[in-house]
Amino acid sequence: MRSRYPSSSSYAYSFGPGPLTPAIKMIVAANIVAFLIDSIVPAVRFAFGLRPADVVEGLRIWQPFTYMFLHGGIFHILFNMLALWMFGVELERMWGSRYFTKFYFVAGVGAALTTLLLSFMPFPIANQLYDSLTIGASGAVYGVLLAYAMYFPTRPIYMYFFFPIPAKYFVMIMGGISLYSSMSATGGGVAHTTHLGGLVAAYLYLKGGRTNLLAEMRYRLMKWRINKSRRRFDVYSGGRSHDINRRVH
C-alpha cells in the first residue's frame, strides 16, 4: 500500500542551484537595466562597450569595467545570466558575497585587459581587435565557470543538455574552443579572446591572489559541505570566530 504522504527517505528533485544569492541578484539586475537602456539608446553601446582604440587613446578608460554589463541581444544576456546563476550560486555561498563580487569583476576586467594586450600583438587578429567593439559578461562568466571546475572537478555538466562531462573537462573543452577560435578566422564575431582572458585571469587570481589560498579553499569547501549536510536539521555550524555564517539556504 502506497502512503499518501512522502516519507523522510524520499528524494526531492529540482533544477539549478536554488534562489539567486545577493551578489548575483545585484549583478543580474544591473545587466538587465543596462540591457534595457542600451535597447532604448543604442549609442550607449559605443560609449561603454570595450573598444581598445578608445581605451589606449585615453578617450574612454572606463570601458574595461562597463563593457560586461552590455549585451548584443536577448539570447546573449539570457545565456550569460543563466550560466552565472547555475555556476555562481554555490561559489557565492562558499565565499560570501563580498569575495564573490570581487572575483567576478577581477575575471571580467582581466578578460578586458587580455583583449587590450592582444590588440598590440603582431598577429592578424590584433588589427581587428584594436578597432572592434566587445560587449557582454562572458569573460567574467568564464571565470566563474573555471572556479566552479576547480572546486567541483568531477561534478557532471550536461553539454548540449545531453552529454554528461565532468566540470574540469568541460572547462578544458570551452577553453580550447576559445583558444582555437581566437587564433583562426572562424570566430564568427564572438570575442573568444575575451572568453580566454576570463579563464586566465580567474586562474591566476585563484592561484596567487591570496595568502595560503589552497588551505583557505579546502577550509571553505569543508565548511560548505558540513553546512549542507546539516541543512535539514537547521543547525548553525561552527568555524573560525571571524567567519560570517554562510549556511546554505
Protein backbone atom coordinates (compact mmCIF):
# COMPACT_ATOMS: atom_id res chain seq x y z
CA MET A 1 0.00 0.00 0.00
CA ARG A 2 1.42 3.40 -1.00
CA SER A 3 1.33 6.14 1.58
CA ARG A 4 -0.42 9.40 0.78
CA TYR A 5 2.37 11.34 2.40
CA PRO A 6 6.04 11.46 1.35
CA SER A 7 8.39 9.66 3.70
CA SER A 8 11.55 11.17 5.13
CA SER A 9 13.61 8.93 2.85
CA SER A 10 12.01 10.14 -0.40
CA TYR A 11 14.12 12.14 -2.84
CA ALA A 12 13.40 15.67 -3.98
CA TYR A 13 14.44 16.85 -7.41
CA SER A 14 14.97 20.41 -8.53
CA PHE A 15 16.58 22.24 -11.43
CA GLY A 16 19.50 24.50 -10.72
CA PRO A 17 21.28 25.50 -7.50
CA GLY A 18 18.37 27.32 -5.90
CA PRO A 19 17.39 31.00 -5.46
CA LEU A 20 19.67 33.83 -6.56
CA THR A 21 22.22 34.83 -3.94
CA PRO A 22 22.60 38.55 -3.06
CA ALA A 23 25.63 39.43 -5.22
CA ILE A 24 24.37 37.50 -8.24
CA LYS A 25 20.94 39.09 -7.83
CA MET A 26 22.54 42.55 -7.99
CA ILE A 27 24.70 41.62 -10.99
CA VAL A 28 21.72 40.21 -12.88
CA ALA A 29 19.62 43.30 -12.08
CA ALA A 30 22.40 45.64 -13.25
CA ASN A 31 22.75 43.71 -16.51
CA ILE A 32 19.01 43.83 -17.15
CA VAL A 33 18.86 47.58 -16.52
CA ALA A 34 21.85 48.17 -18.81
CA PHE A 35 20.28 45.96 -21.49
CA LEU A 36 17.04 47.95 -21.40
CA ILE A 37 18.88 51.29 -21.57
CA ASP A 38 21.00 50.03 -24.47
CA SER A 39 17.84 48.90 -26.29
CA ILE A 40 16.38 52.41 -25.99
CA VAL A 41 19.61 54.38 -26.56
CA PRO A 42 21.91 52.37 -28.89
CA ALA A 43 24.69 54.96 -28.56
CA VAL A 44 25.28 53.67 -25.04
CA ARG A 45 26.91 50.56 -26.53
CA PHE A 46 29.60 52.57 -28.30
CA ALA A 47 30.33 54.71 -25.25
CA PHE A 48 30.51 51.89 -22.69
CA GLY A 49 31.42 48.81 -24.75
CA LEU A 50 35.09 47.80 -24.92
CA ARG A 51 36.98 49.27 -27.89
CA PRO A 52 40.77 49.06 -27.35
CA ALA A 53 41.41 52.11 -29.52
CA ASP A 54 39.25 54.28 -27.24
CA VAL A 55 40.92 53.00 -24.08
CA VAL A 56 44.51 53.28 -25.34
CA GLU A 57 43.93 56.81 -26.62
CA GLY A 58 42.51 57.78 -23.23
CA LEU A 59 39.06 58.64 -24.52
CA ARG A 60 37.01 56.13 -22.52
CA ILE A 61 39.14 54.49 -19.85
CA TRP A 62 36.06 53.12 -18.05
CA GLN A 63 35.26 50.64 -20.81
CA PRO A 64 37.17 47.63 -19.33
CA PHE A 65 34.66 47.75 -16.47
CA THR A 66 31.42 48.82 -18.13
CA TYR A 67 31.56 46.54 -21.20
CA MET A 68 30.50 43.50 -19.15
CA PHE A 69 27.06 44.99 -18.44
CA LEU A 70 26.07 45.29 -22.11
CA HIS A 71 24.83 42.51 -24.39
CA GLY A 72 24.14 42.07 -28.07
CA GLY A 73 20.67 40.55 -27.82
CA ILE A 74 18.14 38.77 -25.67
CA PHE A 75 19.78 35.35 -26.03
CA HIS A 76 23.21 36.79 -25.28
CA ILE A 77 22.14 38.17 -21.91
CA LEU A 78 19.84 35.22 -21.21
CA PHE A 79 22.54 32.56 -21.53
CA ASN A 80 25.15 34.63 -19.67
CA MET A 81 22.84 35.25 -16.72
CA LEU A 82 21.65 31.64 -16.76
CA ALA A 83 25.25 30.40 -16.59
CA LEU A 84 26.05 32.91 -13.83
CA TRP A 85 23.13 31.58 -11.78
CA MET A 86 23.85 27.89 -12.41
CA PHE A 87 27.58 28.03 -11.64
CA GLY A 88 27.92 31.09 -9.42
CA VAL A 89 25.37 30.50 -6.67
CA GLU A 90 27.31 27.72 -4.93
CA LEU A 91 30.52 29.74 -5.16
CA GLU A 92 28.92 32.77 -3.53
CA ARG A 93 27.51 30.58 -0.76
CA MET A 94 31.02 29.29 -0.04
CA TRP A 95 32.97 32.52 -0.45
CA GLY A 96 30.48 35.07 0.71
CA SER A 97 29.05 37.90 -1.38
CA ARG A 98 31.99 40.29 -0.97
CA TYR A 99 34.67 37.91 -2.20
CA PHE A 100 32.47 36.54 -4.99
CA THR A 101 31.77 40.08 -6.26
CA LYS A 102 35.47 40.89 -6.19
CA PHE A 103 36.31 37.69 -8.04
CA TYR A 104 33.63 38.32 -10.68
CA PHE A 105 34.98 41.76 -11.52
CA VAL A 106 38.60 40.59 -11.43
CA ALA A 107 37.72 37.97 -14.06
CA GLY A 108 35.73 40.44 -16.15
CA VAL A 109 38.28 43.26 -16.06
CA GLY A 110 41.10 40.73 -16.54
CA ALA A 111 39.35 39.49 -19.68
CA ALA A 112 39.17 43.07 -20.96
CA LEU A 113 42.87 43.67 -20.24
CA THR A 114 43.71 40.48 -22.12
CA THR A 115 41.84 41.82 -25.13
CA LEU A 116 43.72 45.12 -24.84
CA LEU A 117 47.06 43.32 -24.63
CA LEU A 118 46.35 41.07 -27.59
CA SER A 119 45.34 44.07 -29.70
CA PHE A 120 49.04 45.05 -29.77
CA MET A 121 50.38 41.62 -30.69
CA PRO A 122 51.95 41.01 -34.13
CA PHE A 123 49.12 38.76 -35.28
CA PRO A 124 46.46 39.32 -37.96
CA ILE A 125 43.75 39.32 -35.32
CA ALA A 126 45.41 42.24 -33.47
CA ASN A 127 44.33 44.87 -36.01
CA GLN A 128 40.80 43.53 -35.89
CA LEU A 129 40.72 43.63 -32.08
CA TYR A 130 42.09 47.17 -31.85
CA ASP A 131 39.06 48.72 -33.53
CA SER A 132 36.43 46.12 -32.64
CA LEU A 133 33.69 46.53 -30.05
CA THR A 134 33.37 43.87 -27.35
CA ILE A 135 30.37 43.63 -25.04
CA GLY A 136 28.99 41.02 -22.69
CA ALA A 137 29.62 39.35 -19.34
CA SER A 138 31.06 36.22 -20.96
CA GLY A 139 34.62 36.88 -19.78
CA ALA A 140 33.51 37.13 -16.15
CA VAL A 141 31.17 34.15 -16.56
CA TYR A 142 34.01 32.04 -17.97
CA GLY A 143 35.99 32.92 -14.86
CA VAL A 144 33.10 31.74 -12.69
CA LEU A 145 32.97 28.53 -14.70
CA LEU A 146 36.68 27.93 -14.11
CA ALA A 147 36.30 28.46 -10.36
CA TYR A 148 33.37 26.04 -10.31
CA ALA A 149 35.50 23.41 -12.06
CA MET A 150 38.33 23.92 -9.55
CA TYR A 151 36.00 23.38 -6.59
CA PHE A 152 33.84 20.67 -8.14
CA PRO A 153 36.07 19.00 -10.77
CA THR A 154 34.02 15.80 -11.04
CA ARG A 155 30.58 17.43 -10.96
CA PRO A 156 28.80 16.43 -14.20
CA ILE A 157 27.81 19.18 -16.61
CA TYR A 158 25.42 18.27 -19.40
CA MET A 159 26.93 19.64 -22.58
CA TYR A 160 24.16 20.49 -25.04
CA PHE A 161 21.80 19.12 -22.33
CA PHE A 162 22.55 15.51 -23.31
CA PHE A 163 26.21 14.59 -22.71
CA PRO A 164 27.41 14.48 -19.07
CA ILE A 165 31.01 15.73 -18.79
CA PRO A 166 32.99 16.33 -15.56
CA ALA A 167 33.29 20.05 -14.89
CA LYS A 168 37.09 20.08 -15.25
CA TYR A 169 36.90 18.61 -18.76
CA PHE A 170 34.04 20.89 -19.72
CA VAL A 171 36.17 23.94 -18.89
CA MET A 172 39.10 22.48 -20.84
CA ILE A 173 36.86 21.99 -23.87
CA MET A 174 35.43 25.50 -23.68
CA GLY A 175 38.90 26.99 -23.19
CA GLY A 176 40.26 25.00 -26.13
CA ILE A 177 37.41 26.18 -28.36
CA SER A 178 38.06 29.80 -27.39
CA LEU A 179 41.79 29.46 -27.95
CA TYR A 180 41.37 27.84 -31.37
CA SER A 181 38.69 30.32 -32.45
CA SER A 182 40.77 33.32 -31.36
CA MET A 183 43.69 32.11 -33.48
CA SER A 184 41.62 31.39 -36.59
CA ALA A 185 39.40 33.33 -38.93
CA THR A 186 36.32 31.37 -37.92
CA GLY A 187 35.48 33.28 -34.77
CA GLY A 188 32.09 34.23 -36.11
CA GLY A 189 32.14 37.63 -34.42
CA VAL A 190 32.37 36.13 -30.93
CA ALA A 191 35.02 37.66 -28.66
CA HIS A 192 36.82 34.39 -27.97
CA THR A 193 39.94 36.22 -26.79
CA THR A 194 37.83 37.79 -24.04
CA HIS A 195 36.49 34.37 -23.02
CA LEU A 196 40.03 33.03 -22.83
CA GLY A 197 41.13 36.10 -20.89
CA GLY A 198 38.44 35.49 -18.31
CA LEU A 199 39.70 31.95 -17.78
CA VAL A 200 43.32 33.09 -17.43
CA ALA A 201 42.53 36.00 -15.10
CA ALA A 202 40.37 33.80 -12.86
CA TYR A 203 43.01 31.07 -12.67
CA LEU A 204 45.83 33.48 -11.80
CA TYR A 205 43.70 35.19 -9.18
CA LEU A 206 42.66 31.95 -7.50
CA LYS A 207 46.19 30.58 -7.51
CA GLY A 208 48.05 33.66 -6.35
CA GLY A 209 45.58 36.26 -5.19
CA ARG A 210 45.51 35.32 -1.51
CA THR A 211 47.91 34.06 1.15
CA ASN A 212 47.63 30.33 1.82
CA LEU A 213 44.93 30.17 -0.84
CA LEU A 214 44.82 26.39 -1.16
CA ALA A 215 44.38 25.94 2.58
CA GLU A 216 41.64 28.57 2.54
CA MET A 217 39.88 26.85 -0.36
CA ARG A 218 39.97 23.50 1.44
CA TYR A 219 38.59 25.09 4.60
CA ARG A 220 35.76 26.83 2.77
CA LEU A 221 34.85 23.66 0.90
CA MET A 222 34.86 21.58 4.09
CA LYS A 223 32.73 24.18 5.89
CA TRP A 224 30.27 24.32 2.99
CA ARG A 225 29.92 20.52 2.96
CA ILE A 226 29.28 20.46 6.72
CA ASN A 227 26.66 23.19 6.39
CA LYS A 228 24.98 21.37 3.53
CA SER A 229 24.80 18.10 5.49
CA ARG A 230 23.25 19.92 8.46
CA ARG A 231 20.83 21.88 6.34
CA ARG A 232 17.70 19.84 7.08
CA PHE A 233 18.38 19.97 10.84
CA ASP A 234 18.55 23.79 10.84
CA VAL A 235 21.77 23.72 12.88
CA TYR A 236 24.29 26.54 12.80
CA SER A 237 27.79 25.20 12.18
CA GLY A 238 30.94 26.31 13.86
CA GLY A 239 34.10 27.67 12.32
CA ARG A 240 36.65 30.37 12.87
CA SER A 241 35.46 33.20 15.05
CA HIS A 242 35.71 35.82 12.27
CA ASP A 243 33.65 33.82 9.77
CA ILE A 244 30.25 35.06 8.72
CA ASN A 245 27.66 32.29 8.78
CA ARG A 246 27.09 31.14 5.19
CA ARG A 247 24.60 28.36 5.80
CA VAL A 248 23.17 27.03 2.55
CA HIS A 249 19.53 28.03 2.13
